[in-house]
N, C-alpha and C. Protein backbone atom coordinates (compact mmCIF):
# COMPACT_ATOMS: atom_id res chain seq x y z
N MET A 1 -22.33 20.35 -11.37
CA MET A 1 -20.99 20.65 -11.88
C MET A 1 -20.55 19.52 -12.80
N ALA A 2 -19.99 19.83 -13.95
CA ALA A 2 -19.54 18.83 -14.91
C ALA A 2 -18.35 18.08 -14.36
N ASP A 3 -18.13 16.84 -14.90
CA ASP A 3 -17.03 16.01 -14.41
C ASP A 3 -15.69 16.70 -14.59
N ASN A 4 -15.49 17.37 -15.76
CA ASN A 4 -14.19 18.01 -16.00
C ASN A 4 -13.97 19.17 -15.04
N GLU A 5 -15.06 19.87 -14.67
CA GLU A 5 -14.92 20.96 -13.71
C GLU A 5 -14.60 20.40 -12.32
N ARG A 6 -15.23 19.26 -12.00
CA ARG A 6 -14.97 18.65 -10.71
C ARG A 6 -13.52 18.19 -10.61
N MET A 7 -12.99 17.65 -11.69
CA MET A 7 -11.59 17.25 -11.71
C MET A 7 -10.67 18.44 -11.57
N THR A 8 -11.03 19.54 -12.22
CA THR A 8 -10.22 20.75 -12.12
C THR A 8 -10.17 21.24 -10.68
N GLN A 9 -11.31 21.23 -10.00
CA GLN A 9 -11.35 21.64 -8.60
C GLN A 9 -10.53 20.69 -7.74
N GLN A 10 -10.62 19.39 -8.03
CA GLN A 10 -9.84 18.40 -7.28
C GLN A 10 -8.35 18.63 -7.48
N GLN A 11 -7.94 18.87 -8.71
CA GLN A 11 -6.53 19.12 -8.98
C GLN A 11 -6.06 20.41 -8.29
N TYR A 12 -6.95 21.41 -8.25
CA TYR A 12 -6.63 22.67 -7.58
C TYR A 12 -6.37 22.44 -6.10
N GLU A 13 -7.24 21.64 -5.45
CA GLU A 13 -7.07 21.35 -4.03
C GLU A 13 -5.81 20.51 -3.80
N GLN A 14 -5.56 19.57 -4.70
CA GLN A 14 -4.36 18.73 -4.57
C GLN A 14 -3.09 19.56 -4.69
N ALA A 15 -3.13 20.57 -5.56
CA ALA A 15 -1.96 21.44 -5.71
C ALA A 15 -1.67 22.18 -4.41
N TRP A 16 -2.73 22.68 -3.76
CA TRP A 16 -2.54 23.37 -2.48
C TRP A 16 -2.07 22.41 -1.40
N ASP A 17 -2.62 21.18 -1.41
CA ASP A 17 -2.17 20.18 -0.45
C ASP A 17 -0.69 19.90 -0.62
N GLN A 18 -0.26 19.74 -1.87
CA GLN A 18 1.14 19.47 -2.15
C GLN A 18 2.02 20.63 -1.72
N ASP A 19 1.55 21.86 -1.97
CA ASP A 19 2.30 23.04 -1.57
C ASP A 19 2.46 23.09 -0.05
N ARG A 20 1.40 22.76 0.68
CA ARG A 20 1.47 22.77 2.14
C ARG A 20 2.43 21.72 2.65
N LEU A 21 2.38 20.53 2.05
CA LEU A 21 3.28 19.46 2.47
C LEU A 21 4.74 19.81 2.21
N GLN A 22 4.99 20.43 1.05
CA GLN A 22 6.35 20.84 0.73
C GLN A 22 6.84 21.89 1.72
N GLN A 23 5.98 22.84 2.09
CA GLN A 23 6.37 23.87 3.04
C GLN A 23 6.63 23.27 4.41
N GLN A 24 5.79 22.32 4.81
CA GLN A 24 5.99 21.66 6.10
C GLN A 24 7.32 20.90 6.13
N GLU A 25 7.66 20.26 5.01
CA GLU A 25 8.92 19.52 4.94
C GLU A 25 10.11 20.47 4.99
N GLN A 26 10.01 21.62 4.31
CA GLN A 26 11.08 22.61 4.34
C GLN A 26 11.26 23.15 5.76
N ASP A 27 10.14 23.42 6.43
CA ASP A 27 10.21 23.90 7.81
C ASP A 27 10.86 22.86 8.72
N ARG A 28 10.51 21.60 8.52
CA ARG A 28 11.08 20.53 9.34
C ARG A 28 12.58 20.46 9.15
N ILE A 29 13.03 20.53 7.91
CA ILE A 29 14.47 20.44 7.62
C ILE A 29 15.21 21.62 8.24
N GLN A 30 14.66 22.82 8.10
CA GLN A 30 15.29 24.00 8.67
C GLN A 30 15.35 23.92 10.19
N ASN A 31 14.24 23.49 10.81
CA ASN A 31 14.22 23.37 12.27
C ASN A 31 15.19 22.30 12.75
N LEU A 32 15.33 21.23 11.97
CA LEU A 32 16.25 20.17 12.34
C LEU A 32 17.69 20.66 12.26
N GLU A 33 18.01 21.41 11.22
CA GLU A 33 19.36 21.96 11.10
C GLU A 33 19.68 22.91 12.26
N TYR A 34 18.71 23.77 12.59
CA TYR A 34 18.91 24.71 13.70
C TYR A 34 19.08 23.96 15.02
N THR A 35 18.26 22.93 15.23
CA THR A 35 18.34 22.16 16.46
C THR A 35 19.70 21.48 16.59
N ARG A 36 20.22 20.95 15.49
CA ARG A 36 21.54 20.30 15.55
C ARG A 36 22.65 21.30 15.83
N GLU A 37 22.49 22.53 15.35
CA GLU A 37 23.45 23.58 15.69
C GLU A 37 23.40 23.87 17.19
N GLN A 38 22.18 23.90 17.74
CA GLN A 38 22.03 24.15 19.17
C GLN A 38 22.60 23.00 20.00
N ILE A 39 22.47 21.78 19.51
CA ILE A 39 23.05 20.63 20.21
C ILE A 39 24.56 20.77 20.29
N ALA A 40 25.16 21.12 19.15
CA ALA A 40 26.62 21.27 19.12
C ALA A 40 27.07 22.40 20.05
N GLU A 41 26.33 23.51 20.05
CA GLU A 41 26.70 24.64 20.90
C GLU A 41 26.52 24.30 22.38
N ALA A 42 25.41 23.64 22.73
CA ALA A 42 25.16 23.29 24.13
C ALA A 42 26.22 22.30 24.62
N ARG A 43 26.60 21.36 23.79
CA ARG A 43 27.62 20.39 24.18
C ARG A 43 28.97 21.09 24.39
N ARG A 44 29.30 22.00 23.47
CA ARG A 44 30.57 22.72 23.58
C ARG A 44 30.60 23.56 24.86
N GLU A 45 29.52 24.31 25.13
CA GLU A 45 29.49 25.18 26.31
C GLU A 45 29.46 24.36 27.61
N ARG A 46 28.79 23.20 27.57
CA ARG A 46 28.79 22.32 28.75
C ARG A 46 30.21 21.86 29.06
N ASP A 47 30.92 21.40 28.01
CA ASP A 47 32.27 20.88 28.22
C ASP A 47 33.23 21.98 28.66
N GLU A 48 33.06 23.17 28.08
CA GLU A 48 33.93 24.29 28.48
C GLU A 48 33.70 24.66 29.94
N ALA A 49 32.40 24.71 30.33
CA ALA A 49 32.09 25.05 31.72
C ALA A 49 32.63 23.98 32.67
N ALA A 50 32.51 22.73 32.29
CA ALA A 50 33.02 21.64 33.13
C ALA A 50 34.52 21.72 33.26
N ALA A 51 35.21 22.07 32.17
CA ALA A 51 36.67 22.18 32.20
C ALA A 51 37.11 23.31 33.11
N GLU A 52 36.27 24.34 33.24
CA GLU A 52 36.60 25.49 34.08
C GLU A 52 36.11 25.30 35.52
N GLY A 53 35.44 24.17 35.76
CA GLY A 53 34.96 23.91 37.12
C GLY A 53 33.64 24.59 37.43
N ASP A 54 32.97 25.15 36.40
CA ASP A 54 31.68 25.82 36.59
C ASP A 54 30.58 24.77 36.43
N TRP A 55 30.35 24.01 37.49
CA TRP A 55 29.43 22.87 37.39
C TRP A 55 27.98 23.30 37.26
N GLU A 56 27.64 24.44 37.81
CA GLU A 56 26.24 24.92 37.70
C GLU A 56 25.90 25.20 36.24
N THR A 57 26.79 25.91 35.55
CA THR A 57 26.56 26.19 34.13
C THR A 57 26.61 24.91 33.31
N ALA A 58 27.54 24.02 33.67
CA ALA A 58 27.65 22.77 32.93
C ALA A 58 26.36 21.96 33.03
N ARG A 59 25.77 21.93 34.24
CA ARG A 59 24.52 21.17 34.40
C ARG A 59 23.38 21.82 33.64
N LEU A 60 23.33 23.15 33.65
CA LEU A 60 22.27 23.85 32.89
C LEU A 60 22.38 23.57 31.40
N ARG A 61 23.59 23.63 30.87
CA ARG A 61 23.78 23.39 29.44
C ARG A 61 23.55 21.92 29.10
N ASN A 62 23.84 21.03 30.05
CA ASN A 62 23.58 19.62 29.81
C ASN A 62 22.07 19.37 29.75
N ALA A 63 21.31 20.09 30.59
CA ALA A 63 19.85 19.98 30.53
C ALA A 63 19.33 20.51 29.20
N ASP A 64 19.91 21.63 28.75
CA ASP A 64 19.52 22.17 27.44
C ASP A 64 19.84 21.16 26.34
N LEU A 65 20.98 20.50 26.48
CA LEU A 65 21.38 19.51 25.49
C LEU A 65 20.34 18.39 25.38
N GLY A 66 19.85 17.93 26.53
CA GLY A 66 18.82 16.89 26.52
C GLY A 66 17.54 17.35 25.83
N THR A 67 17.17 18.63 26.07
CA THR A 67 15.97 19.18 25.42
C THR A 67 16.14 19.23 23.92
N PHE A 68 17.30 19.70 23.47
CA PHE A 68 17.55 19.80 22.02
C PHE A 68 17.62 18.41 21.38
N GLN A 69 18.18 17.46 22.08
CA GLN A 69 18.26 16.10 21.54
C GLN A 69 16.87 15.49 21.37
N GLN A 70 15.97 15.81 22.32
CA GLN A 70 14.59 15.33 22.18
C GLN A 70 13.91 15.99 20.98
N GLN A 71 14.18 17.29 20.80
CA GLN A 71 13.63 17.99 19.64
C GLN A 71 14.16 17.38 18.35
N GLU A 72 15.43 16.99 18.36
CA GLU A 72 16.01 16.35 17.17
C GLU A 72 15.29 15.04 16.86
N ARG A 73 15.01 14.26 17.88
CA ARG A 73 14.30 13.00 17.67
C ARG A 73 12.89 13.25 17.12
N ASP A 74 12.24 14.28 17.65
CA ASP A 74 10.88 14.59 17.20
C ASP A 74 10.86 15.06 15.74
N LEU A 75 11.93 15.72 15.33
CA LEU A 75 11.99 16.27 13.97
C LEU A 75 12.55 15.28 12.96
N THR A 76 13.10 14.17 13.44
CA THR A 76 13.69 13.19 12.53
C THR A 76 12.64 12.16 12.16
N PRO A 77 12.35 11.98 10.87
CA PRO A 77 11.33 11.01 10.47
C PRO A 77 11.76 9.60 10.79
N PRO A 78 10.81 8.72 11.07
CA PRO A 78 11.17 7.32 11.37
C PRO A 78 11.79 6.66 10.16
N PRO A 79 12.63 5.66 10.38
CA PRO A 79 13.25 4.97 9.23
C PRO A 79 12.19 4.27 8.39
N GLN A 80 12.45 4.18 7.11
CA GLN A 80 11.53 3.49 6.22
C GLN A 80 11.49 2.00 6.58
N PRO A 81 10.29 1.42 6.58
CA PRO A 81 10.20 -0.01 6.92
C PRO A 81 10.91 -0.87 5.89
N THR A 82 11.44 -1.98 6.36
CA THR A 82 12.08 -2.94 5.46
C THR A 82 11.05 -3.97 5.05
N TRP A 83 10.77 -4.03 3.76
CA TRP A 83 9.74 -4.94 3.26
C TRP A 83 10.38 -6.24 2.80
N SER A 84 9.80 -7.34 3.21
CA SER A 84 10.23 -8.63 2.70
C SER A 84 9.59 -8.86 1.34
N GLN A 85 10.07 -9.87 0.62
CA GLN A 85 9.48 -10.17 -0.68
C GLN A 85 8.03 -10.62 -0.51
N SER A 86 7.73 -11.30 0.58
CA SER A 86 6.35 -11.71 0.84
C SER A 86 5.45 -10.50 1.07
N ASP A 87 5.98 -9.49 1.78
CA ASP A 87 5.22 -8.25 1.98
C ASP A 87 4.92 -7.58 0.64
N LEU A 88 5.94 -7.49 -0.20
CA LEU A 88 5.79 -6.85 -1.50
C LEU A 88 4.79 -7.61 -2.37
N ASN A 89 4.85 -8.93 -2.31
CA ASN A 89 3.91 -9.74 -3.07
C ASN A 89 2.48 -9.51 -2.59
N PHE A 90 2.32 -9.44 -1.27
CA PHE A 90 0.99 -9.22 -0.71
C PHE A 90 0.43 -7.87 -1.14
N LEU A 91 1.26 -6.83 -1.07
CA LEU A 91 0.83 -5.49 -1.47
C LEU A 91 0.54 -5.42 -2.96
N ALA A 92 1.34 -6.14 -3.75
CA ALA A 92 1.13 -6.14 -5.20
C ALA A 92 -0.24 -6.72 -5.55
N ARG A 93 -0.67 -7.70 -4.78
CA ARG A 93 -1.99 -8.29 -5.02
C ARG A 93 -3.11 -7.31 -4.70
N LYS A 94 -2.81 -6.33 -3.87
CA LYS A 94 -3.82 -5.34 -3.47
C LYS A 94 -3.75 -4.08 -4.33
N GLN A 95 -3.14 -4.16 -5.50
CA GLN A 95 -2.92 -2.98 -6.33
C GLN A 95 -4.21 -2.24 -6.65
N ALA A 96 -5.25 -2.97 -7.07
CA ALA A 96 -6.51 -2.33 -7.44
C ALA A 96 -7.13 -1.62 -6.24
N PHE A 97 -7.09 -2.25 -5.08
CA PHE A 97 -7.62 -1.66 -3.85
C PHE A 97 -6.86 -0.39 -3.49
N ARG A 98 -5.54 -0.43 -3.61
CA ARG A 98 -4.71 0.73 -3.24
C ARG A 98 -4.87 1.86 -4.25
N GLU A 99 -5.03 1.52 -5.52
CA GLU A 99 -5.23 2.56 -6.53
C GLU A 99 -6.59 3.24 -6.36
N LYS A 100 -7.58 2.47 -5.94
CA LYS A 100 -8.93 3.02 -5.78
C LYS A 100 -9.02 3.99 -4.62
N TYR A 101 -8.40 3.65 -3.48
CA TYR A 101 -8.56 4.46 -2.27
C TYR A 101 -7.31 5.22 -1.85
N GLY A 102 -6.19 5.01 -2.55
CA GLY A 102 -4.98 5.78 -2.26
C GLY A 102 -4.47 5.56 -0.85
N GLN A 103 -4.11 6.66 -0.18
CA GLN A 103 -3.53 6.59 1.16
C GLN A 103 -4.48 5.95 2.15
N ALA A 104 -5.79 6.14 1.94
CA ALA A 104 -6.77 5.54 2.85
C ALA A 104 -6.66 4.01 2.83
N ALA A 105 -6.39 3.44 1.65
CA ALA A 105 -6.22 1.99 1.55
C ALA A 105 -4.99 1.54 2.34
N ASP A 106 -3.89 2.29 2.23
CA ASP A 106 -2.68 1.94 2.98
C ASP A 106 -2.93 2.04 4.49
N ASN A 107 -3.74 3.05 4.89
CA ASN A 107 -4.08 3.17 6.31
C ASN A 107 -4.89 1.96 6.78
N THR A 108 -5.80 1.49 5.92
CA THR A 108 -6.61 0.33 6.27
C THR A 108 -5.74 -0.92 6.39
N ILE A 109 -4.79 -1.08 5.46
CA ILE A 109 -3.86 -2.22 5.53
C ILE A 109 -3.02 -2.13 6.80
N ALA A 110 -2.61 -0.93 7.18
CA ALA A 110 -1.82 -0.75 8.41
C ALA A 110 -2.65 -1.13 9.63
N MET A 111 -3.93 -0.77 9.64
CA MET A 111 -4.80 -1.16 10.76
C MET A 111 -4.98 -2.67 10.80
N ALA A 112 -5.11 -3.29 9.63
CA ALA A 112 -5.24 -4.75 9.57
C ALA A 112 -3.97 -5.41 10.09
N HIS A 113 -2.82 -4.84 9.76
CA HIS A 113 -1.54 -5.35 10.27
C HIS A 113 -1.52 -5.26 11.80
N ALA A 114 -1.95 -4.12 12.33
CA ALA A 114 -1.93 -3.93 13.79
C ALA A 114 -2.79 -4.99 14.48
N ARG A 115 -3.97 -5.25 13.92
CA ARG A 115 -4.85 -6.27 14.51
C ARG A 115 -4.26 -7.67 14.37
N ALA A 116 -3.54 -7.90 13.27
CA ALA A 116 -2.97 -9.23 13.03
C ALA A 116 -1.91 -9.58 14.07
N VAL A 117 -1.13 -8.59 14.51
CA VAL A 117 0.00 -8.88 15.41
C VAL A 117 -0.33 -8.65 16.88
N MET A 118 -1.43 -7.96 17.18
CA MET A 118 -1.79 -7.75 18.58
C MET A 118 -2.06 -9.08 19.28
N PRO A 119 -1.73 -9.17 20.57
CA PRO A 119 -1.98 -10.43 21.31
C PRO A 119 -3.46 -10.78 21.33
N ARG A 120 -3.73 -12.06 21.39
CA ARG A 120 -5.11 -12.53 21.51
C ARG A 120 -5.68 -12.17 22.90
N ASN A 121 -6.98 -12.09 22.96
CA ASN A 121 -7.66 -11.87 24.24
C ASN A 121 -8.80 -12.87 24.34
N PRO A 122 -8.58 -13.98 25.04
CA PRO A 122 -9.62 -15.00 25.11
C PRO A 122 -10.87 -14.55 25.85
N ASN A 123 -10.75 -13.43 26.58
CA ASN A 123 -11.90 -12.93 27.35
C ASN A 123 -12.65 -11.82 26.63
N ALA A 124 -12.26 -11.53 25.37
CA ALA A 124 -12.91 -10.46 24.63
C ALA A 124 -14.37 -10.79 24.35
N ASN A 125 -15.20 -9.76 24.39
CA ASN A 125 -16.62 -9.92 24.04
C ASN A 125 -17.06 -8.73 23.20
N SER A 126 -18.34 -8.60 22.98
CA SER A 126 -18.86 -7.55 22.09
C SER A 126 -18.60 -6.15 22.61
N THR A 127 -18.30 -6.00 23.90
CA THR A 127 -18.06 -4.68 24.47
C THR A 127 -16.57 -4.33 24.53
N THR A 128 -15.70 -5.29 24.18
CA THR A 128 -14.25 -5.06 24.23
C THR A 128 -13.81 -4.25 23.02
N ASN A 129 -13.01 -3.23 23.26
CA ASN A 129 -12.48 -2.42 22.16
C ASN A 129 -11.66 -3.31 21.23
N PRO A 130 -12.05 -3.44 19.95
CA PRO A 130 -11.35 -4.36 19.04
C PRO A 130 -9.90 -3.97 18.78
N MET A 131 -9.54 -2.71 19.07
CA MET A 131 -8.16 -2.29 18.84
C MET A 131 -7.26 -2.53 20.04
N THR A 132 -7.76 -3.31 21.02
CA THR A 132 -6.94 -3.66 22.18
C THR A 132 -6.50 -5.12 22.16
N TYR A 133 -6.90 -5.87 21.14
CA TYR A 133 -6.48 -7.26 21.01
C TYR A 133 -6.52 -7.64 19.54
N GLY A 134 -5.95 -8.80 19.22
CA GLY A 134 -5.91 -9.17 17.81
C GLY A 134 -5.75 -10.67 17.61
N HIS A 135 -4.98 -11.02 16.57
CA HIS A 135 -4.85 -12.43 16.18
C HIS A 135 -3.59 -13.09 16.75
N GLY A 136 -2.66 -12.27 17.28
CA GLY A 136 -1.46 -12.83 17.88
C GLY A 136 -0.53 -13.52 16.90
N GLN A 137 -0.46 -13.01 15.67
CA GLN A 137 0.37 -13.65 14.64
C GLN A 137 1.75 -12.99 14.55
N THR A 138 2.70 -13.74 14.05
CA THR A 138 4.05 -13.24 13.84
C THR A 138 4.18 -12.74 12.40
N VAL A 139 4.73 -11.55 12.25
CA VAL A 139 4.86 -10.95 10.92
C VAL A 139 5.64 -11.88 9.99
N GLY A 140 5.13 -12.02 8.78
CA GLY A 140 5.81 -12.81 7.76
C GLY A 140 5.36 -14.25 7.66
N THR A 141 4.59 -14.72 8.64
CA THR A 141 4.12 -16.09 8.60
C THR A 141 2.84 -16.18 7.76
N ARG A 142 2.50 -17.40 7.39
CA ARG A 142 1.27 -17.59 6.61
C ARG A 142 0.05 -17.14 7.41
N GLY A 143 0.06 -17.44 8.71
CA GLY A 143 -1.05 -17.02 9.56
C GLY A 143 -1.19 -15.51 9.62
N TYR A 144 -0.06 -14.81 9.57
CA TYR A 144 -0.09 -13.34 9.60
C TYR A 144 -0.82 -12.79 8.38
N TYR A 145 -0.45 -13.27 7.19
CA TYR A 145 -1.09 -12.75 5.97
C TYR A 145 -2.56 -13.15 5.92
N GLN A 146 -2.89 -14.32 6.43
CA GLN A 146 -4.29 -14.72 6.49
C GLN A 146 -5.07 -13.81 7.43
N ALA A 147 -4.45 -13.41 8.54
CA ALA A 147 -5.12 -12.52 9.50
C ALA A 147 -5.32 -11.14 8.90
N VAL A 148 -4.30 -10.62 8.21
CA VAL A 148 -4.44 -9.32 7.56
C VAL A 148 -5.55 -9.37 6.52
N GLN A 149 -5.57 -10.44 5.74
CA GLN A 149 -6.61 -10.61 4.73
C GLN A 149 -7.99 -10.64 5.37
N ALA A 150 -8.12 -11.39 6.45
CA ALA A 150 -9.41 -11.49 7.14
C ALA A 150 -9.86 -10.14 7.67
N GLU A 151 -8.92 -9.36 8.21
CA GLU A 151 -9.26 -8.04 8.73
C GLU A 151 -9.72 -7.11 7.61
N LEU A 152 -9.06 -7.16 6.47
CA LEU A 152 -9.46 -6.32 5.35
C LEU A 152 -10.88 -6.66 4.91
N GLU A 153 -11.17 -7.95 4.81
CA GLU A 153 -12.49 -8.37 4.35
C GLU A 153 -13.58 -8.02 5.36
N ALA A 154 -13.27 -8.16 6.65
CA ALA A 154 -14.29 -7.95 7.68
C ALA A 154 -14.48 -6.49 8.05
N ASN A 155 -13.38 -5.71 8.05
CA ASN A 155 -13.44 -4.37 8.64
C ASN A 155 -12.99 -3.24 7.72
N GLY A 156 -12.63 -3.56 6.48
CA GLY A 156 -12.18 -2.50 5.59
C GLY A 156 -13.20 -1.39 5.43
N HIS A 157 -14.48 -1.73 5.43
CA HIS A 157 -15.53 -0.72 5.23
C HIS A 157 -15.61 0.26 6.40
N LEU A 158 -15.12 -0.15 7.58
CA LEU A 158 -15.18 0.74 8.74
C LEU A 158 -14.29 1.95 8.57
N ASN A 159 -13.31 1.83 7.69
CA ASN A 159 -12.39 2.93 7.43
C ASN A 159 -12.76 3.67 6.14
N GLY A 160 -13.97 3.38 5.64
CA GLY A 160 -14.41 4.03 4.41
C GLY A 160 -13.77 3.44 3.17
N THR A 161 -13.19 2.23 3.31
CA THR A 161 -12.52 1.58 2.17
C THR A 161 -12.98 0.14 2.06
N PRO A 162 -14.22 -0.10 1.66
CA PRO A 162 -14.69 -1.48 1.55
C PRO A 162 -13.80 -2.28 0.60
N TYR A 163 -13.39 -3.45 1.06
CA TYR A 163 -12.43 -4.26 0.32
C TYR A 163 -13.11 -5.47 -0.31
N ASP A 164 -12.88 -5.68 -1.60
CA ASP A 164 -13.42 -6.82 -2.32
C ASP A 164 -12.27 -7.72 -2.74
N PRO A 165 -12.15 -8.91 -2.15
CA PRO A 165 -11.02 -9.79 -2.48
C PRO A 165 -11.00 -10.20 -3.95
N ASN A 166 -12.13 -10.08 -4.63
CA ASN A 166 -12.16 -10.44 -6.05
C ASN A 166 -11.37 -9.47 -6.92
N THR A 167 -11.00 -8.32 -6.36
CA THR A 167 -10.21 -7.35 -7.12
C THR A 167 -8.71 -7.61 -6.99
N ASP A 168 -8.32 -8.60 -6.17
CA ASP A 168 -6.90 -8.90 -6.01
C ASP A 168 -6.29 -9.37 -7.34
N THR A 169 -5.04 -8.97 -7.55
CA THR A 169 -4.29 -9.46 -8.70
C THR A 169 -3.79 -10.86 -8.38
N PRO A 170 -4.17 -11.87 -9.16
CA PRO A 170 -3.76 -13.24 -8.84
C PRO A 170 -2.27 -13.46 -9.08
N GLY A 171 -1.67 -14.33 -8.28
CA GLY A 171 -0.29 -14.73 -8.50
C GLY A 171 -0.21 -15.76 -9.61
N TRP A 172 1.01 -16.04 -10.06
CA TRP A 172 1.14 -16.96 -11.19
C TRP A 172 0.67 -18.37 -10.85
N LYS A 173 0.83 -18.79 -9.61
CA LYS A 173 0.37 -20.12 -9.24
C LYS A 173 -1.14 -20.22 -9.30
N GLU A 174 -1.82 -19.16 -8.87
CA GLU A 174 -3.28 -19.16 -8.95
C GLU A 174 -3.75 -19.22 -10.40
N ILE A 175 -3.05 -18.47 -11.26
CA ILE A 175 -3.38 -18.51 -12.69
C ILE A 175 -3.18 -19.92 -13.23
N ALA A 176 -2.07 -20.53 -12.84
CA ALA A 176 -1.77 -21.89 -13.30
C ALA A 176 -2.83 -22.88 -12.82
N HIS A 177 -3.23 -22.78 -11.58
CA HIS A 177 -4.21 -23.71 -11.03
C HIS A 177 -5.57 -23.54 -11.70
N ARG A 178 -5.84 -22.32 -12.12
CA ARG A 178 -7.17 -22.01 -12.66
C ARG A 178 -7.32 -22.41 -14.13
N TYR A 179 -6.26 -22.22 -14.91
CA TYR A 179 -6.42 -22.34 -16.35
C TYR A 179 -5.65 -23.49 -17.00
N ASN A 180 -4.72 -24.11 -16.32
CA ASN A 180 -3.90 -25.13 -16.95
C ASN A 180 -4.40 -26.53 -16.62
N GLN A 181 -4.14 -27.43 -17.56
CA GLN A 181 -4.53 -28.82 -17.38
C GLN A 181 -3.46 -29.56 -16.56
N GLY A 182 -3.87 -30.52 -15.78
CA GLY A 182 -2.92 -31.30 -15.00
C GLY A 182 -3.64 -32.09 -13.94
N ARG A 183 -3.01 -33.13 -13.46
CA ARG A 183 -3.66 -33.98 -12.47
C ARG A 183 -3.62 -33.38 -11.08
N ASN A 184 -2.63 -32.54 -10.82
CA ASN A 184 -2.55 -31.88 -9.52
C ASN A 184 -1.94 -30.49 -9.71
N ASN A 185 -1.91 -29.72 -8.64
CA ASN A 185 -1.43 -28.35 -8.74
C ASN A 185 0.03 -28.26 -9.15
N ALA A 186 0.85 -29.19 -8.68
CA ALA A 186 2.27 -29.18 -9.05
C ALA A 186 2.43 -29.35 -10.56
N GLU A 187 1.65 -30.24 -11.16
CA GLU A 187 1.72 -30.45 -12.60
C GLU A 187 1.19 -29.24 -13.35
N LYS A 188 0.15 -28.61 -12.82
CA LYS A 188 -0.39 -27.41 -13.44
C LYS A 188 0.66 -26.29 -13.44
N GLU A 189 1.37 -26.17 -12.33
CA GLU A 189 2.42 -25.14 -12.25
C GLU A 189 3.54 -25.42 -13.24
N GLN A 190 3.93 -26.70 -13.35
CA GLN A 190 4.98 -27.07 -14.29
C GLN A 190 4.53 -26.81 -15.73
N ASP A 191 3.28 -27.13 -16.03
CA ASP A 191 2.75 -26.89 -17.37
C ASP A 191 2.71 -25.40 -17.69
N TYR A 192 2.32 -24.61 -16.71
CA TYR A 192 2.25 -23.15 -16.89
C TYR A 192 3.63 -22.58 -17.18
N LEU A 193 4.64 -22.99 -16.39
CA LEU A 193 5.99 -22.49 -16.58
C LEU A 193 6.55 -22.92 -17.94
N GLN A 194 6.25 -24.14 -18.34
CA GLN A 194 6.72 -24.64 -19.64
C GLN A 194 6.13 -23.81 -20.77
N LYS A 195 4.83 -23.54 -20.70
CA LYS A 195 4.18 -22.74 -21.74
C LYS A 195 4.72 -21.31 -21.75
N HIS A 196 4.97 -20.79 -20.56
CA HIS A 196 5.51 -19.43 -20.47
C HIS A 196 6.91 -19.38 -21.08
N TRP A 197 7.73 -20.40 -20.81
CA TRP A 197 9.08 -20.45 -21.36
C TRP A 197 9.05 -20.57 -22.87
N GLU A 198 8.14 -21.41 -23.40
CA GLU A 198 8.02 -21.57 -24.86
C GLU A 198 7.55 -20.28 -25.51
N ASN A 199 6.66 -19.56 -24.86
CA ASN A 199 6.18 -18.30 -25.40
C ASN A 199 7.30 -17.26 -25.46
N MET A 200 8.14 -17.22 -24.43
CA MET A 200 9.27 -16.29 -24.42
C MET A 200 10.28 -16.65 -25.50
N ARG A 201 10.46 -17.94 -25.77
CA ARG A 201 11.37 -18.36 -26.84
C ARG A 201 10.84 -17.91 -28.20
N ARG A 202 9.54 -18.03 -28.40
CA ARG A 202 8.95 -17.61 -29.68
C ARG A 202 9.12 -16.10 -29.88
N GLN A 203 9.11 -15.35 -28.77
CA GLN A 203 9.28 -13.89 -28.84
C GLN A 203 10.76 -13.50 -28.93
N GLY A 204 11.63 -14.48 -28.87
CA GLY A 204 13.06 -14.19 -28.96
C GLY A 204 13.65 -13.65 -27.68
N ARG A 205 12.93 -13.75 -26.58
CA ARG A 205 13.41 -13.23 -25.30
C ARG A 205 14.26 -14.25 -24.55
N MET A 206 14.21 -15.51 -25.01
CA MET A 206 15.05 -16.55 -24.42
C MET A 206 15.56 -17.43 -25.55
N LYS A 207 16.71 -18.04 -25.35
CA LYS A 207 17.30 -18.92 -26.36
C LYS A 207 17.33 -20.35 -25.84
């Protein structure tokens, strides 16, 4: 099959995937709206029965209320995670990896995160399930990002997403350390920023 035909088939499958996801989301929203209506009705009927002294009915409707509230929780998506600037910087460096493998890359990063924060197990050996212990790091610390990085390098291939650290997008400090002259890294960074500022002035972007 030619490459263009293969792409056409891929786009065809992606269109159906998108259609299914959209339908699932519409169903979720409709079910959530219906469940919230049932919550309001069960609460109203419980309170009315209690006001009339019909405790048997009140207890039954209160039980129904608990069931509907659980359904509401199940149908409500979890809140979006709050990303720190360090998190965003880390993910930005993995742009090539994420573009290559898409959602699978994000799943691999999530698994690396899980291993980074799991408690250590000093008694672990080759027969211990690796997903039951980890590096014991605190999110946001330097050790945490080093642990995530180590997990990606060591185990990314296990998820079908082999990770090559050489594909990372370098930060400006790394660029400065690599290409600028200076006696130490601090001077290299200062030289890099000075050259960058002068270049922006020449372009008229700064005065």
